[in-house]
Amino acid sequence: MPQYEVLIRSSEQAQKLSQVAEKYPFDIWIHGQSGQADAKSLLGLMLLTIENDVRLVIDDNVDTRAFEEEIEEFRMFPKKKTTSASL
């Protein structure tokens, strides 16, 4: 299952993440210390993101490439950019 550690710093970011999640037909869950919620639910997202960090979890067998690009600004450990010099 693809999982992404994310950090939400404001209610505006929570709203933006919820809007990103709504674009995709697959389930996106947000897991925190106090439970889990549908990431497409702004209320659930805001309740769980009061904590320091949370995890987004997506089912297997789903193409997440576009989603990964859209959530890059929220990720605690961003993907390293590769350049032709580093290959």
C-alpha atoms as a PDB file:
ATOM      1  CA  MET A   1       0.000   0.000   0.000  1.00  0.00           C
ATOM      2  CA  PRO A   2       1.479   3.383  -0.940  1.00  0.00           C
ATOM      3  CA  GLN A   3       1.918   5.598   2.121  1.00  0.00           C
ATOM      4  CA  TYR A   4       3.030   9.213   2.367  1.00  0.00           C
ATOM      5  CA  GLU A   5       4.094  11.046   5.518  1.00  0.00           C
ATOM      6  CA  VAL A   6       2.623  14.550   5.370  1.00  0.00           C
ATOM      7  CA  LEU A   7       2.561  17.635   7.553  1.00  0.00           C
ATOM      8  CA  ILE A   8      -0.337  20.101   7.446  1.00  0.00           C
ATOM      9  CA  ARG A   9       0.573  23.499   8.883  1.00  0.00           C
ATOM     10  CA  SER A  10      -2.703  25.395   8.420  1.00  0.00           C
ATOM     11  CA  SER A  11      -6.411  25.056   7.718  1.00  0.00           C
ATOM     12  CA  GLU A  12      -5.718  26.403   4.216  1.00  0.00           C
ATOM     13  CA  GLN A  13      -3.320  23.529   3.566  1.00  0.00           C
ATOM     14  CA  ALA A  14      -5.869  21.030   4.916  1.00  0.00           C
ATOM     15  CA  GLN A  15      -8.450  22.446   2.518  1.00  0.00           C
ATOM     16  CA  LYS A  16      -6.013  22.258  -0.405  1.00  0.00           C
ATOM     17  CA  LEU A  17      -5.085  18.652   0.380  1.00  0.00           C
ATOM     18  CA  SER A  18      -8.774  17.722   0.586  1.00  0.00           C
ATOM     19  CA  GLN A  19      -9.376  19.346  -2.810  1.00  0.00           C
ATOM     20  CA  VAL A  20      -6.455  17.413  -4.299  1.00  0.00           C
ATOM     21  CA  ALA A  21      -7.795  14.135  -2.868  1.00  0.00           C
ATOM     22  CA  GLU A  22     -11.270  14.819  -4.292  1.00  0.00           C
ATOM     23  CA  LYS A  23      -9.845  14.778  -7.833  1.00  0.00           C
ATOM     24  CA  TYR A  24      -8.977  11.083  -7.675  1.00  0.00           C
ATOM     25  CA  PRO A  25     -11.417   8.169  -8.000  1.00  0.00           C
ATOM     26  CA  PHE A  26      -9.523   5.920  -5.575  1.00  0.00           C
ATOM     27  CA  ASP A  27      -9.760   5.938  -1.774  1.00  0.00           C
ATOM     28  CA  ILE A  28      -7.240   8.084   0.080  1.00  0.00           C
ATOM     29  CA  TRP A  29      -7.123   7.649   3.844  1.00  0.00           C
ATOM     30  CA  ILE A  30      -5.404   9.841   6.379  1.00  0.00           C
ATOM     31  CA  HIS A  31      -4.059   8.053   9.467  1.00  0.00           C
ATOM     32  CA  GLY A  32      -3.122   9.832  12.683  1.00  0.00           C
ATOM     33  CA  GLN A  33      -2.575   8.889  16.307  1.00  0.00           C
ATOM     34  CA  SER A  34      -6.259   9.342  17.133  1.00  0.00           C
ATOM     35  CA  GLY A  35      -7.637   7.341  14.198  1.00  0.00           C
ATOM     36  CA  GLN A  36      -8.225   7.533  10.478  1.00  0.00           C
ATOM     37  CA  ALA A  37     -10.495   9.464   8.127  1.00  0.00           C
ATOM     38  CA  ASP A  38     -11.241   9.867   4.447  1.00  0.00           C
ATOM     39  CA  ALA A  39      -8.806  12.494   3.084  1.00  0.00           C
ATOM     40  CA  LYS A  40     -11.632  13.789   0.886  1.00  0.00           C
ATOM     41  CA  SER A  41     -13.457  14.870   4.056  1.00  0.00           C
ATOM     42  CA  LEU A  42     -12.249  18.311   5.105  1.00  0.00           C
ATOM     43  CA  LEU A  43     -13.660  17.902   8.618  1.00  0.00           C
ATOM     44  CA  GLY A  44     -11.979  14.523   9.110  1.00  0.00           C
ATOM     45  CA  LEU A  45      -8.744  15.837   7.663  1.00  0.00           C
ATOM     46  CA  MET A  46      -8.714  18.877   9.961  1.00  0.00           C
ATOM     47  CA  LEU A  47      -9.482  16.800  13.050  1.00  0.00           C
ATOM     48  CA  LEU A  48      -6.594  14.418  12.401  1.00  0.00           C
ATOM     49  CA  THR A  49      -4.077  16.987  11.170  1.00  0.00           C
ATOM     50  CA  ILE A  50      -4.078  18.883  14.448  1.00  0.00           C
ATOM     51  CA  GLU A  51      -1.398  16.336  15.288  1.00  0.00           C
ATOM     52  CA  ASN A  52       2.194  16.943  14.188  1.00  0.00           C
ATOM     53  CA  ASP A  53       2.245  14.557  11.258  1.00  0.00           C
ATOM     54  CA  VAL A  54      -0.068  12.110   9.579  1.00  0.00           C
ATOM     55  CA  ARG A  55       0.087   9.426   6.904  1.00  0.00           C
ATOM     56  CA  LEU A  56      -1.846   9.254   3.649  1.00  0.00           C
ATOM     57  CA  VAL A  57      -2.624   5.656   2.670  1.00  0.00           C
ATOM     58  CA  ILE A  58      -3.819   4.485  -0.745  1.00  0.00           C
ATOM     59  CA  ASP A  59      -4.879   1.013  -1.875  1.00  0.00           C
ATOM     60  CA  ASP A  60      -2.541  -1.104  -3.969  1.00  0.00           C
ATOM     61  CA  ASN A  61      -2.984  -1.425  -7.739  1.00  0.00           C
ATOM     62  CA  VAL A  62      -3.640   2.290  -8.207  1.00  0.00           C
ATOM     63  CA  ASP A  63      -1.587   4.621 -10.399  1.00  0.00           C
ATOM     64  CA  THR A  64      -0.515   7.328  -7.938  1.00  0.00           C
ATOM     65  CA  ARG A  65       2.033   9.228 -10.061  1.00  0.00           C
ATOM     66  CA  ALA A  66      -0.110  12.347 -10.640  1.00  0.00           C
ATOM     67  CA  PHE A  67      -1.277  12.312  -7.020  1.00  0.00           C
ATOM     68  CA  GLU A  68       2.319  12.117  -5.770  1.00  0.00           C
ATOM     69  CA  GLU A  69       3.230  15.231  -7.760  1.00  0.00           C
ATOM     70  CA  GLU A  70       0.274  17.161  -6.361  1.00  0.00           C
ATOM     71  CA  ILE A  71       1.044  16.345  -2.718  1.00  0.00           C
ATOM     72  CA  GLU A  72       4.781  17.039  -2.923  1.00  0.00           C
ATOM     73  CA  GLU A  73       4.454  20.314  -0.964  1.00  0.00           C
ATOM     74  CA  PHE A  74       2.873  18.451   1.976  1.00  0.00           C
ATOM     75  CA  ARG A  75       5.359  15.593   2.195  1.00  0.00           C
ATOM     76  CA  MET A  76       7.679  15.440   5.174  1.00  0.00           C
ATOM     77  CA  PHE A  77      10.289  13.596   3.135  1.00  0.00           C
ATOM     78  CA  PRO A  78      10.053  14.947  -0.430  1.00  0.00           C
ATOM     79  CA  LYS A  79      11.200  12.787  -3.285  1.00  0.00           C
ATOM     80  CA  LYS A  80      14.760  13.505  -4.302  1.00  0.00           C
ATOM     81  CA  LYS A  81      15.029  15.093  -7.707  1.00  0.00           C
ATOM     82  CA  THR A  82      17.276  13.200 -10.088  1.00  0.00           C
ATOM     83  CA  THR A  83      19.288  14.965 -12.723  1.00  0.00           C
ATOM     84  CA  SER A  84      21.096  13.605 -15.709  1.00  0.00           C
ATOM     85  CA  ALA A  85      24.407  14.360 -13.897  1.00  0.00           C
ATOM     86  CA  SER A  86      23.423  12.098 -10.983  1.00  0.00           C
ATOM     87  CA  LEU A  87      22.465   9.150 -13.217  1.00  0.00           C
END
